[in-house]
Amino acid sequence: ESMEHETKTFFTAMVRENLPVSGLIDSDFVFANDRLAQHYQLPSISGSAMRKVILPDNSPYGGLLTQGAILKVTANGTTTSPVLRGKWVLEQILGAPPPPPPANVPDLAEQKAGALTGTLRQRMEQHRANPACANCHAKMDPLGFAFENFNGIGKFRTQEDSFPIEASGVLPDGRKFSGPGELKEILKGKKEQFARC
């Protein structure tokens, strides 16, 4: 409930304060109450009312892409989904939705146990080796991997189980990034495409 309220309050502030459209991708503030501040590992605040909180310089949060509500709806229940997150960025931020998957390719979760092994990223790389999957996943997966530091409900983490998280990627045009901050900078460079979307 707090996460949904955060997104609505954030968007309302963007419109009412006539802030630049790039603030939807990245901002130096969030709206939080006591529970969200704790969830986002921000300085403690008191009460359930939403208020504008200026982020510390090293915060991974800011903008829509790292809000708990967005990260939750682009996850598979309690686990992350780089594919869903990447697809969401393509559709909702860049206005460039990928085509639907081929009918004969099973989802990662539906494949036979033991067929794909390793971390989520390694299993996805094995899945992407299928030529029918490679083209679309080359567009979606890097975008989604940028947000792997956020668990299924948007809490920042550096490890998944005992494995360190690698939140880096290479976009189809060859640009490399490491983490959500660097990807946000690339996305802000696509201002015309984003604004049109």
N, C-alpha and C. Protein backbone atom coordinates (compact mmCIF):
# COMPACT_ATOMS: atom_id res chain seq x y z
N GLU A 1 0.83 -1.19 0.00
CA GLU A 1 0.00 0.00 0.00
C GLU A 1 0.87 1.26 0.00
N SER A 2 1.92 1.25 0.83
CA SER A 2 2.83 2.40 0.88
C SER A 2 3.55 2.58 -0.44
N MET A 3 3.93 1.47 -1.07
CA MET A 3 4.64 1.55 -2.34
C MET A 3 3.75 2.16 -3.43
N GLU A 4 2.50 1.73 -3.48
CA GLU A 4 1.57 2.28 -4.46
C GLU A 4 1.37 3.78 -4.21
N HIS A 5 1.23 4.14 -2.94
CA HIS A 5 1.05 5.55 -2.58
C HIS A 5 2.30 6.36 -2.97
N GLU A 6 3.47 5.78 -2.79
CA GLU A 6 4.71 6.46 -3.18
C GLU A 6 4.69 6.82 -4.66
N THR A 7 4.36 5.86 -5.51
CA THR A 7 4.38 6.09 -6.95
C THR A 7 3.37 7.16 -7.35
N LYS A 8 2.18 7.10 -6.79
CA LYS A 8 1.16 8.11 -7.11
C LYS A 8 1.60 9.50 -6.63
N THR A 9 2.14 9.58 -5.42
CA THR A 9 2.59 10.85 -4.88
C THR A 9 3.76 11.41 -5.67
N PHE A 10 4.67 10.53 -6.06
CA PHE A 10 5.83 10.94 -6.87
C PHE A 10 5.39 11.52 -8.21
N PHE A 11 4.50 10.82 -8.90
CA PHE A 11 4.05 11.30 -10.21
C PHE A 11 3.28 12.62 -10.07
N THR A 12 2.44 12.72 -9.06
CA THR A 12 1.70 13.96 -8.82
C THR A 12 2.66 15.13 -8.60
N ALA A 13 3.71 14.91 -7.82
CA ALA A 13 4.71 15.97 -7.58
C ALA A 13 5.43 16.34 -8.86
N MET A 14 5.75 15.36 -9.69
CA MET A 14 6.42 15.65 -10.96
C MET A 14 5.57 16.59 -11.81
N VAL A 15 4.27 16.35 -11.86
CA VAL A 15 3.37 17.18 -12.67
C VAL A 15 3.14 18.55 -12.02
N ARG A 16 2.77 18.54 -10.75
CA ARG A 16 2.43 19.81 -10.07
C ARG A 16 3.63 20.75 -9.99
N GLU A 17 4.83 20.19 -9.79
CA GLU A 17 6.02 21.03 -9.68
C GLU A 17 6.67 21.28 -11.03
N ASN A 18 6.06 20.75 -12.10
CA ASN A 18 6.56 20.93 -13.47
C ASN A 18 8.05 20.55 -13.57
N LEU A 19 8.38 19.41 -13.01
CA LEU A 19 9.77 18.93 -13.02
C LEU A 19 10.11 18.33 -14.37
N PRO A 20 11.39 18.31 -14.74
CA PRO A 20 11.78 17.75 -16.05
C PRO A 20 11.40 16.27 -16.17
N VAL A 21 11.04 15.87 -17.38
CA VAL A 21 10.62 14.49 -17.63
C VAL A 21 11.73 13.50 -17.25
N SER A 22 12.98 13.92 -17.31
CA SER A 22 14.09 13.03 -16.94
C SER A 22 14.01 12.61 -15.47
N GLY A 23 13.29 13.37 -14.65
CA GLY A 23 13.12 13.01 -13.25
C GLY A 23 12.33 11.73 -13.06
N LEU A 24 11.56 11.34 -14.07
CA LEU A 24 10.86 10.05 -13.98
C LEU A 24 11.85 8.89 -14.06
N ILE A 25 12.97 9.11 -14.74
CA ILE A 25 14.00 8.08 -14.83
C ILE A 25 14.89 8.11 -13.60
N ASP A 26 15.26 9.31 -13.17
CA ASP A 26 16.17 9.45 -12.03
C ASP A 26 15.87 10.76 -11.32
N SER A 27 15.84 10.72 -10.02
CA SER A 27 15.61 11.92 -9.21
C SER A 27 16.47 11.84 -7.97
N ASP A 28 16.64 12.98 -7.32
CA ASP A 28 17.43 12.99 -6.08
C ASP A 28 16.53 12.89 -4.85
N PHE A 29 15.30 12.47 -5.05
CA PHE A 29 14.35 12.34 -3.94
C PHE A 29 13.42 11.16 -4.17
N VAL A 30 12.81 10.73 -3.09
CA VAL A 30 11.71 9.76 -3.13
C VAL A 30 10.63 10.28 -2.20
N PHE A 31 9.48 9.67 -2.24
CA PHE A 31 8.45 9.92 -1.24
C PHE A 31 8.40 8.66 -0.38
N ALA A 32 8.45 8.86 0.92
CA ALA A 32 8.49 7.71 1.82
C ALA A 32 7.77 8.03 3.12
N ASN A 33 7.34 6.97 3.77
CA ASN A 33 6.84 7.06 5.14
C ASN A 33 7.81 6.24 5.99
N ASP A 34 7.45 6.00 7.25
CA ASP A 34 8.37 5.29 8.13
C ASP A 34 8.73 3.90 7.61
N ARG A 35 7.74 3.16 7.09
CA ARG A 35 8.00 1.80 6.62
C ARG A 35 8.86 1.77 5.35
N LEU A 36 8.56 2.69 4.40
CA LEU A 36 9.36 2.72 3.18
C LEU A 36 10.77 3.21 3.44
N ALA A 37 10.91 4.17 4.34
CA ALA A 37 12.26 4.65 4.68
C ALA A 37 13.10 3.50 5.22
N GLN A 38 12.52 2.69 6.06
CA GLN A 38 13.24 1.52 6.59
C GLN A 38 13.55 0.53 5.46
N HIS A 39 12.56 0.28 4.61
CA HIS A 39 12.73 -0.66 3.49
C HIS A 39 13.84 -0.20 2.54
N TYR A 40 13.88 1.12 2.27
CA TYR A 40 14.88 1.69 1.36
C TYR A 40 16.19 2.01 2.07
N GLN A 41 16.29 1.67 3.34
CA GLN A 41 17.51 1.90 4.13
C GLN A 41 17.89 3.38 4.15
N LEU A 42 16.86 4.23 4.33
CA LEU A 42 17.05 5.67 4.43
C LEU A 42 17.06 6.05 5.91
N PRO A 43 17.50 7.27 6.22
CA PRO A 43 17.42 7.71 7.61
C PRO A 43 15.99 7.58 8.13
N SER A 44 15.88 7.22 9.39
CA SER A 44 14.58 6.95 10.00
C SER A 44 13.70 8.20 9.99
N ILE A 45 12.43 8.01 9.62
CA ILE A 45 11.43 9.05 9.74
C ILE A 45 10.26 8.48 10.50
N SER A 46 9.40 9.34 11.00
CA SER A 46 8.33 8.90 11.88
C SER A 46 6.97 9.09 11.21
N GLY A 47 6.11 8.10 11.32
CA GLY A 47 4.73 8.22 10.87
C GLY A 47 4.46 7.61 9.52
N SER A 48 3.16 7.43 9.25
CA SER A 48 2.74 6.76 8.02
C SER A 48 2.48 7.72 6.86
N ALA A 49 2.55 9.03 7.10
CA ALA A 49 2.31 10.01 6.03
C ALA A 49 3.50 10.05 5.08
N MET A 50 3.20 10.15 3.78
CA MET A 50 4.25 10.27 2.77
C MET A 50 4.85 11.66 2.82
N ARG A 51 6.17 11.72 2.71
CA ARG A 51 6.85 13.00 2.64
C ARG A 51 8.03 12.89 1.70
N LYS A 52 8.43 14.00 1.15
CA LYS A 52 9.55 14.05 0.23
C LYS A 52 10.83 13.88 1.03
N VAL A 53 11.67 12.94 0.59
CA VAL A 53 12.94 12.66 1.27
C VAL A 53 14.06 12.84 0.24
N ILE A 54 14.99 13.74 0.52
CA ILE A 54 16.15 13.93 -0.35
C ILE A 54 17.09 12.75 -0.11
N LEU A 55 17.53 12.15 -1.20
CA LEU A 55 18.37 10.95 -1.10
C LEU A 55 19.83 11.30 -0.85
N PRO A 56 20.53 10.48 -0.08
CA PRO A 56 21.97 10.66 0.04
C PRO A 56 22.64 10.38 -1.31
N ASP A 57 23.83 10.92 -1.50
CA ASP A 57 24.52 10.79 -2.79
C ASP A 57 24.71 9.34 -3.25
N ASN A 58 24.89 8.43 -2.32
CA ASN A 58 25.19 7.04 -2.69
C ASN A 58 23.94 6.16 -2.77
N SER A 59 22.76 6.74 -2.73
CA SER A 59 21.52 5.94 -2.75
C SER A 59 21.28 5.36 -4.14
N PRO A 60 20.87 4.09 -4.21
CA PRO A 60 20.53 3.50 -5.51
C PRO A 60 19.12 3.87 -5.96
N TYR A 61 18.35 4.55 -5.10
CA TYR A 61 16.96 4.87 -5.40
C TYR A 61 16.85 6.22 -6.11
N GLY A 62 15.66 6.53 -6.59
CA GLY A 62 15.37 7.79 -7.26
C GLY A 62 14.75 7.52 -8.62
N GLY A 63 13.66 8.20 -8.94
CA GLY A 63 12.94 7.96 -10.19
C GLY A 63 12.01 6.76 -10.07
N LEU A 64 11.27 6.50 -11.14
CA LEU A 64 10.30 5.39 -11.14
C LEU A 64 10.96 4.02 -11.12
N LEU A 65 12.06 3.87 -11.84
CA LEU A 65 12.63 2.54 -12.09
C LEU A 65 13.05 1.79 -10.83
N THR A 66 13.34 2.52 -9.75
CA THR A 66 13.80 1.86 -8.53
C THR A 66 12.79 1.98 -7.40
N GLN A 67 11.55 2.31 -7.74
CA GLN A 67 10.51 2.34 -6.72
C GLN A 67 10.00 0.92 -6.46
N GLY A 68 9.70 0.66 -5.20
CA GLY A 68 9.24 -0.67 -4.81
C GLY A 68 8.06 -1.16 -5.62
N ALA A 69 7.10 -0.28 -5.92
CA ALA A 69 5.90 -0.69 -6.68
C ALA A 69 6.29 -1.19 -8.07
N ILE A 70 7.18 -0.48 -8.73
CA ILE A 70 7.60 -0.87 -10.09
C ILE A 70 8.41 -2.16 -10.02
N LEU A 71 9.33 -2.24 -9.06
CA LEU A 71 10.16 -3.44 -8.94
C LEU A 71 9.31 -4.67 -8.57
N LYS A 72 8.24 -4.46 -7.81
CA LYS A 72 7.37 -5.57 -7.42
C LYS A 72 6.55 -6.08 -8.60
N VAL A 73 5.97 -5.17 -9.40
CA VAL A 73 5.15 -5.64 -10.51
C VAL A 73 5.99 -6.20 -11.66
N THR A 74 7.30 -6.00 -11.60
CA THR A 74 8.18 -6.56 -12.63
C THR A 74 9.01 -7.71 -12.06
N ALA A 75 8.46 -8.38 -11.07
CA ALA A 75 9.10 -9.55 -10.46
C ALA A 75 8.15 -10.73 -10.58
N ASN A 76 8.69 -11.92 -10.33
CA ASN A 76 7.88 -13.15 -10.33
C ASN A 76 7.52 -13.50 -8.90
N GLY A 77 6.54 -12.88 -8.36
CA GLY A 77 6.17 -13.16 -6.98
C GLY A 77 7.23 -12.66 -6.03
N THR A 78 8.01 -13.56 -5.47
CA THR A 78 9.05 -13.17 -4.51
C THR A 78 10.45 -13.15 -5.12
N THR A 79 10.59 -13.56 -6.36
CA THR A 79 11.91 -13.55 -7.00
C THR A 79 11.96 -12.49 -8.09
N THR A 80 13.15 -12.07 -8.42
CA THR A 80 13.31 -11.06 -9.47
C THR A 80 13.12 -11.68 -10.84
N SER A 81 12.90 -10.83 -11.83
CA SER A 81 12.80 -11.28 -13.21
C SER A 81 13.44 -10.23 -14.11
N PRO A 82 14.72 -10.41 -14.46
CA PRO A 82 15.34 -9.47 -15.38
C PRO A 82 14.59 -9.33 -16.69
N VAL A 83 13.95 -10.41 -17.14
CA VAL A 83 13.19 -10.36 -18.39
C VAL A 83 11.99 -9.42 -18.23
N LEU A 84 11.21 -9.60 -17.18
CA LEU A 84 10.05 -8.72 -16.96
C LEU A 84 10.49 -7.28 -16.75
N ARG A 85 11.54 -7.09 -16.00
CA ARG A 85 12.02 -5.73 -15.74
C ARG A 85 12.54 -5.08 -17.02
N GLY A 86 13.29 -5.84 -17.80
CA GLY A 86 13.79 -5.31 -19.07
C GLY A 86 12.66 -5.01 -20.04
N LYS A 87 11.69 -5.90 -20.10
CA LYS A 87 10.52 -5.70 -20.97
C LYS A 87 9.76 -4.45 -20.55
N TRP A 88 9.61 -4.23 -19.24
CA TRP A 88 8.91 -3.06 -18.74
C TRP A 88 9.63 -1.78 -19.17
N VAL A 89 10.94 -1.76 -19.08
CA VAL A 89 11.70 -0.58 -19.49
C VAL A 89 11.50 -0.33 -20.99
N LEU A 90 11.59 -1.40 -21.79
CA LEU A 90 11.38 -1.24 -23.23
C LEU A 90 9.99 -0.68 -23.53
N GLU A 91 8.96 -1.23 -22.88
CA GLU A 91 7.59 -0.83 -23.17
C GLU A 91 7.23 0.52 -22.57
N GLN A 92 7.50 0.70 -21.29
CA GLN A 92 6.98 1.85 -20.55
C GLN A 92 7.91 3.06 -20.55
N ILE A 93 9.19 2.85 -20.78
CA ILE A 93 10.14 3.96 -20.76
C ILE A 93 10.56 4.34 -22.17
N LEU A 94 10.85 3.35 -23.00
CA LEU A 94 11.37 3.63 -24.34
C LEU A 94 10.32 3.50 -25.45
N GLY A 95 9.17 2.94 -25.15
CA GLY A 95 8.12 2.78 -26.16
C GLY A 95 8.53 1.85 -27.28
N ALA A 96 9.33 0.84 -26.96
CA ALA A 96 9.83 -0.10 -27.97
C ALA A 96 9.60 -1.53 -27.51
N PRO A 97 8.34 -1.98 -27.41
CA PRO A 97 8.07 -3.32 -26.88
C PRO A 97 8.66 -4.42 -27.75
N PRO A 98 9.17 -5.47 -27.10
CA PRO A 98 9.68 -6.60 -27.88
C PRO A 98 8.52 -7.42 -28.43
N PRO A 99 8.77 -8.22 -29.48
CA PRO A 99 7.71 -9.10 -29.97
C PRO A 99 7.44 -10.21 -28.96
N PRO A 100 6.29 -10.87 -29.05
CA PRO A 100 6.01 -11.98 -28.13
C PRO A 100 7.01 -13.12 -28.36
N PRO A 101 7.24 -13.93 -27.32
CA PRO A 101 8.18 -15.05 -27.48
C PRO A 101 7.65 -16.09 -28.45
N PRO A 102 8.54 -16.84 -29.09
CA PRO A 102 8.09 -17.92 -29.97
C PRO A 102 7.26 -18.93 -29.18
N ALA A 103 6.26 -19.51 -29.81
CA ALA A 103 5.34 -20.42 -29.13
C ALA A 103 6.02 -21.70 -28.64
N ASN A 104 7.08 -22.13 -29.30
CA ASN A 104 7.68 -23.43 -28.97
C ASN A 104 8.80 -23.36 -27.94
N VAL A 105 9.07 -22.20 -27.36
CA VAL A 105 10.16 -22.08 -26.40
C VAL A 105 9.57 -21.98 -25.00
N PRO A 106 9.92 -22.93 -24.10
CA PRO A 106 9.37 -22.88 -22.74
C PRO A 106 10.00 -21.76 -21.93
N ASP A 107 9.24 -21.25 -20.93
CA ASP A 107 9.80 -20.27 -19.99
C ASP A 107 10.95 -20.91 -19.24
N LEU A 108 11.79 -20.07 -18.69
CA LEU A 108 12.94 -20.54 -17.92
C LEU A 108 12.49 -21.48 -16.80
N ALA A 109 11.40 -21.13 -16.11
CA ALA A 109 10.91 -21.93 -14.99
C ALA A 109 10.31 -23.25 -15.43
N GLU A 110 9.84 -23.35 -16.68
CA GLU A 110 9.17 -24.55 -17.16
C GLU A 110 10.14 -25.59 -17.73
N GLN A 111 11.39 -25.22 -17.92
CA GLN A 111 12.33 -26.16 -18.52
C GLN A 111 12.66 -27.26 -17.53
N LYS A 112 13.08 -28.40 -18.05
CA LYS A 112 13.35 -29.56 -17.21
C LYS A 112 14.37 -29.23 -16.12
N ALA A 113 14.10 -29.72 -14.92
CA ALA A 113 15.02 -29.52 -13.81
C ALA A 113 16.39 -30.05 -14.19
N GLY A 114 17.40 -29.29 -13.90
CA GLY A 114 18.77 -29.71 -14.20
C GLY A 114 19.23 -29.30 -15.58
N ALA A 115 18.32 -28.93 -16.48
CA ALA A 115 18.73 -28.53 -17.82
C ALA A 115 19.53 -27.25 -17.79
N LEU A 116 19.09 -26.30 -16.97
CA LEU A 116 19.80 -25.04 -16.81
C LEU A 116 20.26 -24.95 -15.37
N THR A 117 21.52 -24.62 -15.16
CA THR A 117 22.07 -24.58 -13.81
C THR A 117 22.82 -23.29 -13.58
N GLY A 118 23.09 -23.00 -12.29
CA GLY A 118 23.87 -21.82 -11.93
C GLY A 118 22.99 -20.71 -11.39
N THR A 119 23.57 -19.51 -11.30
CA THR A 119 22.83 -18.35 -10.83
C THR A 119 21.74 -18.01 -11.84
N LEU A 120 20.82 -17.16 -11.45
CA LEU A 120 19.76 -16.74 -12.37
C LEU A 120 20.37 -16.16 -13.64
N ARG A 121 21.38 -15.35 -13.49
CA ARG A 121 22.03 -14.75 -14.67
C ARG A 121 22.63 -15.84 -15.56
N GLN A 122 23.30 -16.84 -14.99
CA GLN A 122 23.90 -17.93 -15.77
C GLN A 122 22.83 -18.76 -16.48
N ARG A 123 21.72 -19.03 -15.79
CA ARG A 123 20.63 -19.79 -16.41
C ARG A 123 20.02 -19.00 -17.57
N MET A 124 19.90 -17.70 -17.38
CA MET A 124 19.35 -16.88 -18.46
C MET A 124 20.29 -16.82 -19.66
N GLU A 125 21.59 -16.80 -19.39
CA GLU A 125 22.55 -16.80 -20.49
C GLU A 125 22.48 -18.12 -21.26
N GLN A 126 22.25 -19.24 -20.57
CA GLN A 126 22.08 -20.53 -21.23
C GLN A 126 20.79 -20.53 -22.06
N HIS A 127 19.73 -19.97 -21.50
CA HIS A 127 18.45 -19.87 -22.21
C HIS A 127 18.61 -19.00 -23.47
N ARG A 128 19.36 -17.92 -23.33
CA ARG A 128 19.55 -16.99 -24.44
C ARG A 128 20.40 -17.60 -25.55
N ALA A 129 21.09 -18.69 -25.28
CA ALA A 129 21.88 -19.35 -26.31
C ALA A 129 20.99 -19.95 -27.40
N ASN A 130 19.71 -20.17 -27.10
CA ASN A 130 18.76 -20.65 -28.11
C ASN A 130 18.57 -19.53 -29.14
N PRO A 131 18.87 -19.76 -30.42
CA PRO A 131 18.76 -18.70 -31.43
C PRO A 131 17.38 -18.06 -31.51
N ALA A 132 16.33 -18.82 -31.21
CA ALA A 132 14.98 -18.27 -31.25
C ALA A 132 14.76 -17.24 -30.14
N CYS A 133 15.57 -17.31 -29.10
CA CYS A 133 15.42 -16.43 -27.94
C CYS A 133 16.41 -15.27 -27.95
N ALA A 134 17.53 -15.46 -28.60
CA ALA A 134 18.67 -14.56 -28.46
C ALA A 134 18.38 -13.11 -28.83
N ASN A 135 17.72 -12.85 -29.93
CA ASN A 135 17.54 -11.48 -30.40
C ASN A 135 16.76 -10.62 -29.40
N CYS A 136 15.61 -11.10 -28.96
CA CYS A 136 14.80 -10.32 -28.02
C CYS A 136 15.46 -10.23 -26.65
N HIS A 137 16.06 -11.33 -26.20
CA HIS A 137 16.69 -11.31 -24.88
C HIS A 137 17.90 -10.39 -24.86
N ALA A 138 18.58 -10.21 -25.98
CA ALA A 138 19.71 -9.28 -26.04
C ALA A 138 19.25 -7.85 -25.78
N LYS A 139 17.98 -7.56 -26.08
CA LYS A 139 17.43 -6.23 -25.82
C LYS A 139 16.89 -6.10 -24.40
N MET A 140 16.24 -7.15 -23.89
CA MET A 140 15.58 -7.08 -22.59
C MET A 140 16.50 -7.36 -21.41
N ASP A 141 17.26 -8.44 -21.50
CA ASP A 141 18.00 -8.92 -20.34
C ASP A 141 18.97 -7.90 -19.75
N PRO A 142 19.79 -7.21 -20.58
CA PRO A 142 20.71 -6.25 -19.97
C PRO A 142 19.98 -5.17 -19.17
N LEU A 143 18.86 -4.68 -19.70
CA LEU A 143 18.08 -3.68 -18.98
C LEU A 143 17.61 -4.22 -17.63
N GLY A 144 17.14 -5.46 -17.62
CA GLY A 144 16.67 -6.07 -16.39
C GLY A 144 17.79 -6.38 -15.41
N PHE A 145 18.95 -6.80 -15.92
CA PHE A 145 20.07 -7.10 -15.03
C PHE A 145 20.52 -5.87 -14.25
N ALA A 146 20.31 -4.68 -14.78
CA ALA A 146 20.69 -3.46 -14.08
C ALA A 146 19.99 -3.34 -12.73
N PHE A 147 18.83 -4.00 -12.60
CA PHE A 147 18.04 -3.88 -11.38
C PHE A 147 18.08 -5.12 -10.50
N GLU A 148 19.04 -6.01 -10.75
CA GLU A 148 19.15 -7.23 -9.96
C GLU A 148 19.57 -6.97 -8.52
N ASN A 149 20.13 -5.79 -8.23
CA ASN A 149 20.46 -5.48 -6.84
C ASN A 149 19.21 -5.27 -6.00
N PHE A 150 18.05 -5.20 -6.62
CA PHE A 150 16.79 -5.02 -5.90
C PHE A 150 16.03 -6.33 -5.91
N ASN A 151 15.66 -6.81 -4.73
CA ASN A 151 14.95 -8.09 -4.67
C ASN A 151 13.53 -7.95 -5.22
N GLY A 152 12.72 -8.97 -5.05
CA GLY A 152 11.39 -9.00 -5.64
C GLY A 152 10.45 -7.92 -5.13
N ILE A 153 10.78 -7.28 -4.01
CA ILE A 153 9.95 -6.18 -3.50
C ILE A 153 10.76 -4.88 -3.38
N GLY A 154 11.87 -4.81 -4.09
CA GLY A 154 12.59 -3.54 -4.20
C GLY A 154 13.58 -3.21 -3.11
N LYS A 155 13.92 -4.17 -2.26
CA LYS A 155 14.93 -3.91 -1.23
C LYS A 155 16.31 -4.14 -1.82
N PHE A 156 17.21 -3.19 -1.59
CA PHE A 156 18.56 -3.28 -2.15
C PHE A 156 19.33 -4.40 -1.48
N ARG A 157 20.11 -5.13 -2.29
CA ARG A 157 20.93 -6.24 -1.80
C ARG A 157 22.18 -6.32 -2.66
N THR A 158 23.20 -6.95 -2.13
CA THR A 158 24.44 -7.14 -2.90
C THR A 158 24.68 -8.60 -3.23
N GLN A 159 23.90 -9.50 -2.61
CA GLN A 159 24.04 -10.94 -2.86
C GLN A 159 22.67 -11.58 -3.04
N GLU A 160 22.65 -12.63 -3.85
CA GLU A 160 21.48 -13.49 -3.97
C GLU A 160 21.90 -14.84 -3.44
N ASP A 161 21.32 -15.25 -2.34
CA ASP A 161 21.79 -16.41 -1.59
C ASP A 161 23.25 -16.15 -1.24
N SER A 162 24.16 -16.99 -1.68
CA SER A 162 25.57 -16.75 -1.35
C SER A 162 26.35 -16.20 -2.54
N PHE A 163 25.66 -15.87 -3.63
CA PHE A 163 26.32 -15.39 -4.83
C PHE A 163 26.30 -13.87 -4.91
N PRO A 164 27.43 -13.24 -5.24
CA PRO A 164 27.40 -11.79 -5.45
C PRO A 164 26.58 -11.45 -6.70
N ILE A 165 25.87 -10.35 -6.64
CA ILE A 165 25.04 -9.94 -7.77
C ILE A 165 25.87 -9.13 -8.75
N GLU A 166 25.72 -9.47 -10.01
CA GLU A 166 26.39 -8.74 -11.08
C GLU A 166 25.31 -7.95 -11.83
N ALA A 167 25.21 -6.65 -11.53
CA ALA A 167 24.16 -5.81 -12.11
C ALA A 167 24.70 -5.00 -13.28
N SER A 168 25.40 -5.67 -14.16
CA SER A 168 26.00 -4.98 -15.31
C SER A 168 25.44 -5.57 -16.59
N GLY A 169 25.70 -4.88 -17.68
CA GLY A 169 25.22 -5.39 -18.96
C GLY A 169 25.80 -4.62 -20.13
N VAL A 170 25.53 -5.17 -21.30
CA VAL A 170 25.94 -4.54 -22.56
C VAL A 170 24.69 -4.42 -23.41
N LEU A 171 24.38 -3.21 -23.84
CA LEU A 171 23.21 -2.98 -24.67
C LEU A 171 23.49 -3.38 -26.11
N PRO A 172 22.46 -3.62 -26.92
CA PRO A 172 22.68 -4.04 -28.31
C PRO A 172 23.57 -3.07 -29.10
N ASP A 173 23.59 -1.78 -28.72
CA ASP A 173 24.44 -0.82 -29.43
C ASP A 173 25.88 -0.82 -28.92
N GLY A 174 26.19 -1.72 -27.98
CA GLY A 174 27.56 -1.87 -27.49
C GLY A 174 27.88 -1.08 -26.23
N ARG A 175 26.98 -0.21 -25.79
CA ARG A 175 27.25 0.56 -24.57
C ARG A 175 27.17 -0.35 -23.35
N LYS A 176 28.13 -0.17 -22.46
CA LYS A 176 28.22 -0.98 -21.24
C LYS A 176 27.81 -0.14 -20.05
N PHE A 177 27.27 -0.80 -19.04
CA PHE A 177 26.92 -0.12 -17.80
C PHE A 177 27.10 -1.08 -16.64
N SER A 178 27.21 -0.52 -15.45
CA SER A 178 27.28 -1.31 -14.24
C SER A 178 26.32 -0.70 -13.22
N GLY A 179 25.25 -1.39 -12.97
CA GLY A 179 24.27 -0.96 -11.98
C GLY A 179 23.22 -0.01 -12.50
N PRO A 180 22.20 0.22 -11.68
CA PRO A 180 21.07 1.04 -12.11
C PRO A 180 21.44 2.50 -12.38
N GLY A 181 22.39 3.04 -11.63
CA GLY A 181 22.77 4.44 -11.83
C GLY A 181 23.32 4.70 -13.22
N GLU A 182 24.22 3.82 -13.69
CA GLU A 182 24.79 3.99 -15.03
C GLU A 182 23.75 3.76 -16.12
N LEU A 183 22.85 2.80 -15.91
CA LEU A 183 21.79 2.59 -16.90
C LEU A 183 20.86 3.80 -16.96
N LYS A 184 20.53 4.38 -15.80
CA LYS A 184 19.68 5.57 -15.78
C LYS A 184 20.31 6.69 -16.60
N GLU A 185 21.63 6.85 -16.50
CA GLU A 185 22.31 7.89 -17.29
C GLU A 185 22.15 7.64 -18.78
N ILE A 186 22.26 6.38 -19.19
CA ILE A 186 22.07 6.04 -20.61
C ILE A 186 20.64 6.34 -21.03
N LEU A 187 19.67 5.95 -20.20
CA LEU A 187 18.26 6.19 -20.53
C LEU A 187 17.95 7.68 -20.60
N LYS A 188 18.56 8.48 -19.73
CA LYS A 188 18.33 9.93 -19.79
C LYS A 188 18.85 10.52 -21.10
N GLY A 189 19.82 9.85 -21.71
CA GLY A 189 20.34 10.28 -23.01
C GLY A 189 19.37 10.00 -24.14
N LYS A 190 18.32 9.22 -23.86
CA LYS A 190 17.29 8.92 -24.87
C LYS A 190 16.05 9.75 -24.56
N LYS A 191 16.26 11.01 -24.19
CA LYS A 191 15.18 11.87 -23.70
C LYS A 191 14.03 12.01 -24.69
N GLU A 192 14.33 12.17 -25.97
CA GLU A 192 13.27 12.36 -26.95
C GLU A 192 12.41 11.11 -27.06
N GLN A 193 13.05 9.94 -27.11
CA GLN A 193 12.32 8.67 -27.20
C GLN A 193 11.49 8.45 -25.95
N PHE A 194 12.07 8.73 -24.79
CA PHE A 194 11.38 8.55 -23.52
C PHE A 194 10.20 9.53 -23.41
N ALA A 195 10.43 10.79 -23.76
CA ALA A 195 9.36 11.80 -23.64
C ALA A 195 8.19 11.45 -24.55
N ARG A 196 8.49 10.96 -25.75
CA ARG A 196 7.43 10.57 -26.69
C ARG A 196 6.62 9.41 -26.11
N CYS A 197 7.32 8.44 -25.50
CA CYS A 197 6.64 7.28 -24.91
C CYS A 197 5.74 7.73 -23.77
